[in-house]
N, C-alpha and C. Protein backbone atom coordinates (compact mmCIF):
# COMPACT_ATOMS: atom_id res chain seq x y z
N MET A 1 60.78 82.06 140.21
CA MET A 1 61.43 81.99 138.92
C MET A 1 62.00 80.59 138.76
N SER A 2 61.80 80.02 137.58
CA SER A 2 62.27 78.66 137.37
C SER A 2 63.80 78.62 137.32
N LYS A 3 64.32 77.47 137.65
CA LYS A 3 65.77 77.29 137.67
C LYS A 3 66.39 77.50 136.29
N LEU A 4 65.72 77.02 135.24
CA LEU A 4 66.22 77.16 133.87
C LEU A 4 66.24 78.62 133.44
N ARG A 5 65.17 79.34 133.74
CA ARG A 5 65.09 80.75 133.38
C ARG A 5 66.14 81.56 134.12
N LYS A 6 66.33 81.25 135.40
CA LYS A 6 67.31 81.97 136.22
C LYS A 6 68.73 81.74 135.68
N SER A 7 69.06 80.50 135.29
CA SER A 7 70.40 80.22 134.78
C SER A 7 70.61 80.90 133.42
N GLY A 8 69.53 81.02 132.63
CA GLY A 8 69.63 81.72 131.34
C GLY A 8 69.90 83.20 131.54
N LEU A 9 69.26 83.81 132.53
CA LEU A 9 69.48 85.22 132.82
C LEU A 9 70.89 85.46 133.35
N ILE A 10 71.37 84.56 134.17
CA ILE A 10 72.73 84.68 134.70
C ILE A 10 73.74 84.58 133.54
N LEU A 11 73.52 83.64 132.63
CA LEU A 11 74.40 83.49 131.47
C LEU A 11 74.37 84.75 130.61
N LEU A 12 73.19 85.28 130.35
CA LEU A 12 73.05 86.49 129.56
C LEU A 12 73.76 87.67 130.22
N ALA A 13 73.58 87.81 131.53
CA ALA A 13 74.24 88.90 132.26
C ALA A 13 75.76 88.75 132.19
N GLY A 14 76.25 87.54 132.29
CA GLY A 14 77.69 87.29 132.19
C GLY A 14 78.25 87.67 130.83
N LEU A 15 77.49 87.35 129.77
CA LEU A 15 77.93 87.70 128.42
C LEU A 15 77.95 89.21 128.22
N VAL A 16 76.93 89.90 128.74
CA VAL A 16 76.88 91.35 128.61
C VAL A 16 78.06 91.98 129.34
N LEU A 17 78.34 91.51 130.55
CA LEU A 17 79.47 92.06 131.32
C LEU A 17 80.80 91.78 130.63
N ALA A 18 80.94 90.58 130.09
CA ALA A 18 82.19 90.23 129.41
C ALA A 18 82.39 91.12 128.18
N TRP A 19 81.32 91.35 127.44
CA TRP A 19 81.41 92.19 126.25
C TRP A 19 81.71 93.64 126.61
N ALA A 20 81.09 94.13 127.69
CA ALA A 20 81.26 95.53 128.09
C ALA A 20 82.67 95.81 128.61
N HIS A 21 83.36 94.81 129.09
CA HIS A 21 84.68 95.01 129.67
C HIS A 21 85.82 94.58 128.76
N GLN A 22 85.58 94.63 127.45
CA GLN A 22 86.64 94.32 126.50
C GLN A 22 87.70 95.41 126.57
N PRO A 23 88.97 95.05 126.53
CA PRO A 23 90.01 96.09 126.52
C PRO A 23 89.91 96.91 125.25
N PRO A 24 90.25 98.17 125.33
CA PRO A 24 90.16 99.01 124.14
C PRO A 24 91.12 98.52 123.05
N ALA A 25 90.72 98.69 121.81
CA ALA A 25 91.57 98.29 120.69
C ALA A 25 92.80 99.19 120.66
N ILE A 26 93.92 98.60 120.37
CA ILE A 26 95.16 99.36 120.28
C ILE A 26 95.28 99.89 118.87
N GLU A 27 95.44 101.17 118.73
CA GLU A 27 95.57 101.79 117.42
C GLU A 27 97.04 102.00 117.12
N VAL A 28 97.47 101.43 116.02
CA VAL A 28 98.85 101.57 115.59
C VAL A 28 98.86 102.44 114.34
N LYS A 29 99.61 103.49 114.38
CA LYS A 29 99.71 104.37 113.22
C LYS A 29 101.07 104.17 112.57
N LEU A 30 101.03 103.80 111.29
CA LEU A 30 102.25 103.61 110.53
C LEU A 30 102.50 104.84 109.67
N PRO A 31 103.75 105.15 109.46
CA PRO A 31 104.05 106.23 108.52
C PRO A 31 103.47 105.89 107.15
N LYS A 32 103.01 106.89 106.41
CA LYS A 32 102.35 106.66 105.13
C LYS A 32 103.24 105.91 104.15
N ASP A 33 104.55 106.13 104.20
CA ASP A 33 105.43 105.45 103.25
C ASP A 33 105.61 103.97 103.56
N LEU A 34 105.19 103.52 104.73
CA LEU A 34 105.29 102.10 105.07
C LEU A 34 104.00 101.35 104.79
N VAL A 35 102.93 102.05 104.51
CA VAL A 35 101.65 101.41 104.25
C VAL A 35 101.61 100.97 102.79
N ILE A 36 101.39 99.69 102.59
CA ILE A 36 101.31 99.14 101.25
C ILE A 36 99.84 98.90 100.95
N LYS A 37 99.38 99.50 99.89
CA LYS A 37 97.99 99.34 99.51
C LYS A 37 97.91 98.33 98.38
N ALA A 38 97.61 97.09 98.74
CA ALA A 38 97.44 96.05 97.74
C ALA A 38 95.95 95.94 97.45
N ARG A 39 95.59 96.12 96.22
CA ARG A 39 94.19 95.99 95.85
C ARG A 39 94.11 95.37 94.48
N HIS A 40 92.93 94.96 94.14
CA HIS A 40 92.66 94.42 92.82
C HIS A 40 91.73 95.36 92.09
N ALA A 41 91.71 95.26 90.79
CA ALA A 41 90.80 96.08 89.99
C ALA A 41 89.36 95.68 90.30
N THR A 42 88.47 96.62 90.20
CA THR A 42 87.05 96.34 90.40
C THR A 42 86.50 95.66 89.14
N TRP A 43 85.28 95.12 89.24
CA TRP A 43 84.64 94.50 88.08
C TRP A 43 84.47 95.54 86.97
N GLU A 44 84.14 96.76 87.37
CA GLU A 44 83.96 97.81 86.37
C GLU A 44 85.28 98.11 85.65
N GLU A 45 86.37 98.18 86.41
CA GLU A 45 87.68 98.44 85.80
C GLU A 45 88.08 97.30 84.87
N LYS A 46 87.84 96.07 85.29
CA LYS A 46 88.18 94.93 84.44
C LYS A 46 87.36 94.94 83.16
N GLY A 47 86.09 95.30 83.27
CA GLY A 47 85.24 95.40 82.08
C GLY A 47 85.74 96.46 81.12
N GLU A 48 86.14 97.60 81.68
CA GLU A 48 86.71 98.68 80.85
C GLU A 48 88.02 98.23 80.22
N ASN A 49 88.84 97.49 80.96
CA ASN A 49 90.11 96.99 80.41
C ASN A 49 89.85 96.06 79.22
N LYS A 50 88.83 95.20 79.32
CA LYS A 50 88.48 94.30 78.21
C LYS A 50 88.03 95.11 77.00
N ARG A 51 87.22 96.12 77.24
CA ARG A 51 86.71 96.96 76.14
C ARG A 51 87.88 97.64 75.42
N ILE A 52 88.80 98.20 76.19
CA ILE A 52 89.98 98.85 75.61
C ILE A 52 90.82 97.83 74.85
N GLY A 53 91.03 96.68 75.45
CA GLY A 53 91.82 95.63 74.80
C GLY A 53 91.23 95.20 73.48
N LYS A 54 89.92 95.03 73.45
CA LYS A 54 89.25 94.61 72.21
C LYS A 54 89.37 95.70 71.15
N THR A 55 89.17 96.94 71.55
CA THR A 55 89.28 98.06 70.60
C THR A 55 90.69 98.15 70.03
N TYR A 56 91.70 98.09 70.88
CA TYR A 56 93.09 98.20 70.43
C TYR A 56 93.48 97.00 69.55
N ALA A 57 93.08 95.79 69.95
CA ALA A 57 93.43 94.60 69.19
C ALA A 57 92.82 94.64 67.79
N GLN A 58 91.58 95.11 67.69
CA GLN A 58 90.92 95.18 66.39
C GLN A 58 91.46 96.32 65.54
N ALA A 59 91.57 97.51 66.14
CA ALA A 59 91.99 98.69 65.37
C ALA A 59 93.46 98.65 65.00
N GLY A 60 94.31 98.23 65.92
CA GLY A 60 95.75 98.29 65.69
C GLY A 60 96.34 97.06 65.04
N TRP A 61 95.73 95.89 65.29
CA TRP A 61 96.31 94.64 64.81
C TRP A 61 95.36 93.85 63.91
N GLY A 62 94.12 94.25 63.85
CA GLY A 62 93.14 93.53 63.05
C GLY A 62 92.74 92.20 63.67
N TRP A 63 92.97 92.04 64.97
CA TRP A 63 92.64 90.78 65.64
C TRP A 63 91.18 90.81 66.08
N ARG A 64 90.36 90.11 65.28
CA ARG A 64 88.92 90.02 65.55
C ARG A 64 88.54 88.55 65.68
N GLY A 65 87.30 88.29 65.98
CA GLY A 65 86.79 86.92 65.98
C GLY A 65 87.61 85.98 66.85
N ARG A 66 88.13 84.94 66.19
CA ARG A 66 88.88 83.90 66.91
C ARG A 66 90.13 84.47 67.59
N GLU A 67 90.84 85.37 66.92
CA GLU A 67 92.05 85.95 67.51
C GLU A 67 91.70 86.75 68.77
N TRP A 68 90.60 87.49 68.72
CA TRP A 68 90.18 88.23 69.90
C TRP A 68 89.84 87.27 71.04
N LEU A 69 89.13 86.18 70.73
CA LEU A 69 88.77 85.22 71.77
C LEU A 69 90.02 84.59 72.39
N CYS A 70 91.02 84.32 71.59
CA CYS A 70 92.29 83.78 72.12
C CYS A 70 92.97 84.79 73.04
N LEU A 71 93.00 86.05 72.62
CA LEU A 71 93.60 87.09 73.47
C LEU A 71 92.82 87.23 74.77
N HIS A 72 91.50 87.23 74.65
CA HIS A 72 90.65 87.34 75.84
C HIS A 72 90.95 86.21 76.81
N ASP A 73 90.98 84.98 76.31
CA ASP A 73 91.23 83.82 77.17
C ASP A 73 92.63 83.85 77.76
N LEU A 74 93.61 84.27 76.96
CA LEU A 74 95.00 84.35 77.42
C LEU A 74 95.11 85.29 78.61
N TRP A 75 94.60 86.50 78.46
CA TRP A 75 94.75 87.49 79.53
C TRP A 75 93.78 87.23 80.67
N MET A 76 92.71 86.51 80.40
CA MET A 76 91.82 86.09 81.48
C MET A 76 92.57 85.09 82.38
N ALA A 77 93.29 84.17 81.74
CA ALA A 77 94.06 83.18 82.50
C ALA A 77 95.22 83.82 83.25
N GLU A 78 95.84 84.82 82.64
CA GLU A 78 97.00 85.46 83.25
C GLU A 78 96.62 86.38 84.41
N SER A 79 95.62 87.24 84.22
CA SER A 79 95.35 88.27 85.23
C SER A 79 93.88 88.55 85.48
N ARG A 80 92.99 87.89 84.73
CA ARG A 80 91.56 88.22 84.79
C ARG A 80 91.32 89.68 84.39
N TRP A 81 92.18 90.20 83.53
CA TRP A 81 92.11 91.57 83.01
C TRP A 81 92.30 92.60 84.11
N ASP A 82 93.02 92.22 85.15
CA ASP A 82 93.28 93.11 86.29
C ASP A 82 94.60 93.83 86.07
N HIS A 83 94.54 95.15 85.90
CA HIS A 83 95.76 95.92 85.66
C HIS A 83 96.62 96.07 86.91
N LEU A 84 96.14 95.58 88.05
CA LEU A 84 96.90 95.62 89.29
C LEU A 84 97.37 94.23 89.74
N ALA A 85 97.16 93.24 88.89
CA ALA A 85 97.52 91.86 89.23
C ALA A 85 99.03 91.71 89.37
N GLN A 86 99.44 91.04 90.45
CA GLN A 86 100.86 90.80 90.69
C GLN A 86 101.10 89.32 90.82
N ASN A 87 102.22 88.87 90.29
CA ASN A 87 102.62 87.48 90.43
C ASN A 87 103.66 87.41 91.55
N PRO A 88 103.33 86.77 92.67
CA PRO A 88 104.27 86.72 93.78
C PRO A 88 105.53 85.90 93.50
N LYS A 89 105.51 85.10 92.44
CA LYS A 89 106.66 84.26 92.12
C LYS A 89 107.62 84.88 91.11
N SER A 90 107.24 86.04 90.57
CA SER A 90 108.11 86.70 89.58
C SER A 90 107.83 88.20 89.60
N SER A 91 108.44 88.90 88.66
CA SER A 91 108.21 90.34 88.57
C SER A 91 107.06 90.66 87.60
N ALA A 92 106.30 89.64 87.19
CA ALA A 92 105.19 89.85 86.26
C ALA A 92 104.11 90.69 86.92
N PHE A 93 103.57 91.62 86.13
CA PHE A 93 102.58 92.55 86.68
C PHE A 93 101.60 92.95 85.59
N GLY A 94 100.38 93.22 85.98
CA GLY A 94 99.40 93.82 85.08
C GLY A 94 98.59 92.83 84.27
N ILE A 95 97.87 93.38 83.31
CA ILE A 95 96.93 92.61 82.49
C ILE A 95 97.64 91.51 81.73
N ALA A 96 98.71 91.85 81.04
CA ALA A 96 99.43 90.87 80.22
C ALA A 96 100.47 90.09 81.03
N GLN A 97 100.64 90.43 82.31
CA GLN A 97 101.63 89.79 83.18
C GLN A 97 103.02 89.81 82.54
N ARG A 98 103.41 90.98 82.07
CA ARG A 98 104.73 91.14 81.49
C ARG A 98 105.77 91.23 82.60
N LEU A 99 106.90 90.60 82.39
CA LEU A 99 107.98 90.65 83.36
C LEU A 99 108.52 92.08 83.43
N GLY A 100 108.69 92.57 84.63
CA GLY A 100 109.26 93.89 84.83
C GLY A 100 108.31 95.05 84.58
N GLU A 101 107.06 94.76 84.26
CA GLU A 101 106.08 95.85 84.02
C GLU A 101 105.89 96.63 85.31
N LYS A 102 105.94 97.94 85.20
CA LYS A 102 105.76 98.79 86.38
C LYS A 102 104.63 99.79 86.20
N ASP A 103 104.25 100.03 84.95
CA ASP A 103 103.20 101.02 84.68
C ASP A 103 101.85 100.48 85.14
N ARG A 104 101.11 101.30 85.86
CA ARG A 104 99.82 100.87 86.40
C ARG A 104 98.64 101.28 85.52
N ARG A 105 98.94 101.95 84.40
CA ARG A 105 97.87 102.40 83.51
C ARG A 105 97.47 101.27 82.56
N PRO A 106 96.17 100.90 82.57
CA PRO A 106 95.72 99.80 81.74
C PRO A 106 96.00 99.97 80.26
N ARG A 107 95.81 101.17 79.72
CA ARG A 107 96.02 101.39 78.28
C ARG A 107 97.47 101.11 77.88
N VAL A 108 98.40 101.52 78.71
CA VAL A 108 99.82 101.28 78.43
C VAL A 108 100.12 99.78 78.51
N GLN A 109 99.61 99.13 79.55
CA GLN A 109 99.82 97.69 79.70
C GLN A 109 99.26 96.91 78.51
N ILE A 110 98.07 97.30 78.04
CA ILE A 110 97.45 96.61 76.92
C ILE A 110 98.27 96.80 75.65
N LEU A 111 98.69 98.01 75.37
CA LEU A 111 99.51 98.24 74.17
C LEU A 111 100.81 97.44 74.22
N ARG A 112 101.49 97.48 75.35
CA ARG A 112 102.74 96.73 75.48
C ARG A 112 102.49 95.23 75.35
N GLY A 113 101.39 94.76 75.92
CA GLY A 113 101.05 93.34 75.84
C GLY A 113 100.75 92.91 74.41
N LEU A 114 100.01 93.75 73.68
CA LEU A 114 99.70 93.43 72.29
C LEU A 114 100.98 93.39 71.44
N ARG A 115 101.86 94.34 71.66
CA ARG A 115 103.14 94.35 70.93
C ARG A 115 103.95 93.09 71.25
N TYR A 116 103.95 92.70 72.52
CA TYR A 116 104.69 91.50 72.93
C TYR A 116 104.12 90.26 72.24
N VAL A 117 102.80 90.12 72.26
CA VAL A 117 102.16 88.95 71.63
C VAL A 117 102.52 88.90 70.15
N GLU A 118 102.43 90.03 69.47
CA GLU A 118 102.75 90.07 68.04
C GLU A 118 104.22 89.72 67.80
N HIS A 119 105.11 90.34 68.57
CA HIS A 119 106.55 90.14 68.38
C HIS A 119 106.97 88.70 68.70
N ARG A 120 106.48 88.17 69.80
CA ARG A 120 106.95 86.85 70.26
C ARG A 120 106.22 85.69 69.59
N TYR A 121 104.91 85.83 69.35
CA TYR A 121 104.11 84.71 68.86
C TYR A 121 103.46 84.93 67.50
N GLY A 122 103.33 86.18 67.09
CA GLY A 122 102.70 86.46 65.80
C GLY A 122 101.21 86.67 65.88
N SER A 123 100.56 85.98 66.83
CA SER A 123 99.11 86.13 66.97
C SER A 123 98.68 85.69 68.38
N PRO A 124 97.53 86.16 68.83
CA PRO A 124 97.02 85.73 70.14
C PRO A 124 96.75 84.23 70.21
N CYS A 125 96.28 83.63 69.12
CA CYS A 125 95.98 82.20 69.17
C CYS A 125 97.25 81.36 69.34
N ARG A 126 98.35 81.79 68.72
CA ARG A 126 99.62 81.08 68.92
C ARG A 126 100.11 81.26 70.36
N ALA A 127 99.93 82.46 70.90
CA ALA A 127 100.32 82.71 72.30
C ALA A 127 99.46 81.88 73.25
N TRP A 128 98.16 81.81 72.98
CA TRP A 128 97.24 81.05 73.83
C TRP A 128 97.56 79.56 73.75
N SER A 129 97.87 79.08 72.56
CA SER A 129 98.24 77.67 72.39
C SER A 129 99.50 77.34 73.21
N TYR A 130 100.48 78.24 73.16
CA TYR A 130 101.70 78.05 73.93
C TYR A 130 101.38 78.05 75.44
N HIS A 131 100.54 78.97 75.84
CA HIS A 131 100.15 79.08 77.26
C HIS A 131 99.46 77.80 77.73
N GLN A 132 98.61 77.23 76.90
CA GLN A 132 97.92 76.01 77.28
C GLN A 132 98.87 74.84 77.45
N ARG A 133 99.93 74.81 76.67
CA ARG A 133 100.93 73.73 76.79
C ARG A 133 101.87 73.94 77.98
N LYS A 134 102.31 75.20 78.19
CA LYS A 134 103.36 75.48 79.17
C LYS A 134 102.87 76.09 80.49
N GLY A 135 101.69 76.69 80.50
CA GLY A 135 101.18 77.33 81.71
C GLY A 135 101.60 78.78 81.85
N HIS A 136 102.29 79.27 80.84
CA HIS A 136 102.71 80.68 80.79
C HIS A 136 102.96 81.01 79.34
N TYR A 137 103.24 82.27 79.05
CA TYR A 137 103.57 82.64 77.67
C TYR A 137 104.67 83.68 77.66
C-alpha cells in the first residue's frame, strides 16, 4: 500500500472515530412561560396583509392610486407589512409600527394605522413625505 494512500486511510479513520465519540447533546428544557417565540410573518401573511390594507384604504378612506402607493411604501419601509414586526428601540409594533400597539391581529393593526395616518397627516402621501424627511412618521 502506498504511503499516501495509507496516510489518507489513517486520516479518514481518525475523523470517523472523532465523529463517533462526540459527547451527547445536552437537552435543556425551559418552562413554557419562559420560552419567547419571536417570529416574522410569512410571505403569504405579508401578501394577505397588503391585500387587506389596500381593500380597507380604498373602501374606508377612498385612498387609491397614488395615495395607495404612498401607504404601501410607508408601511413597507416601516415593517415590510409584517404584523409581528417589533422595533427594538421603542414600543412600536406591527404593520404600521404604532407606539404601544399590542394587538397581533393584522386587520386591527391596519385599521388603527389608517386612522392614525388620517388623523395625524391627512393622507398617506403626506405621511410618506414626512417619513422620507425624518425617517419615521
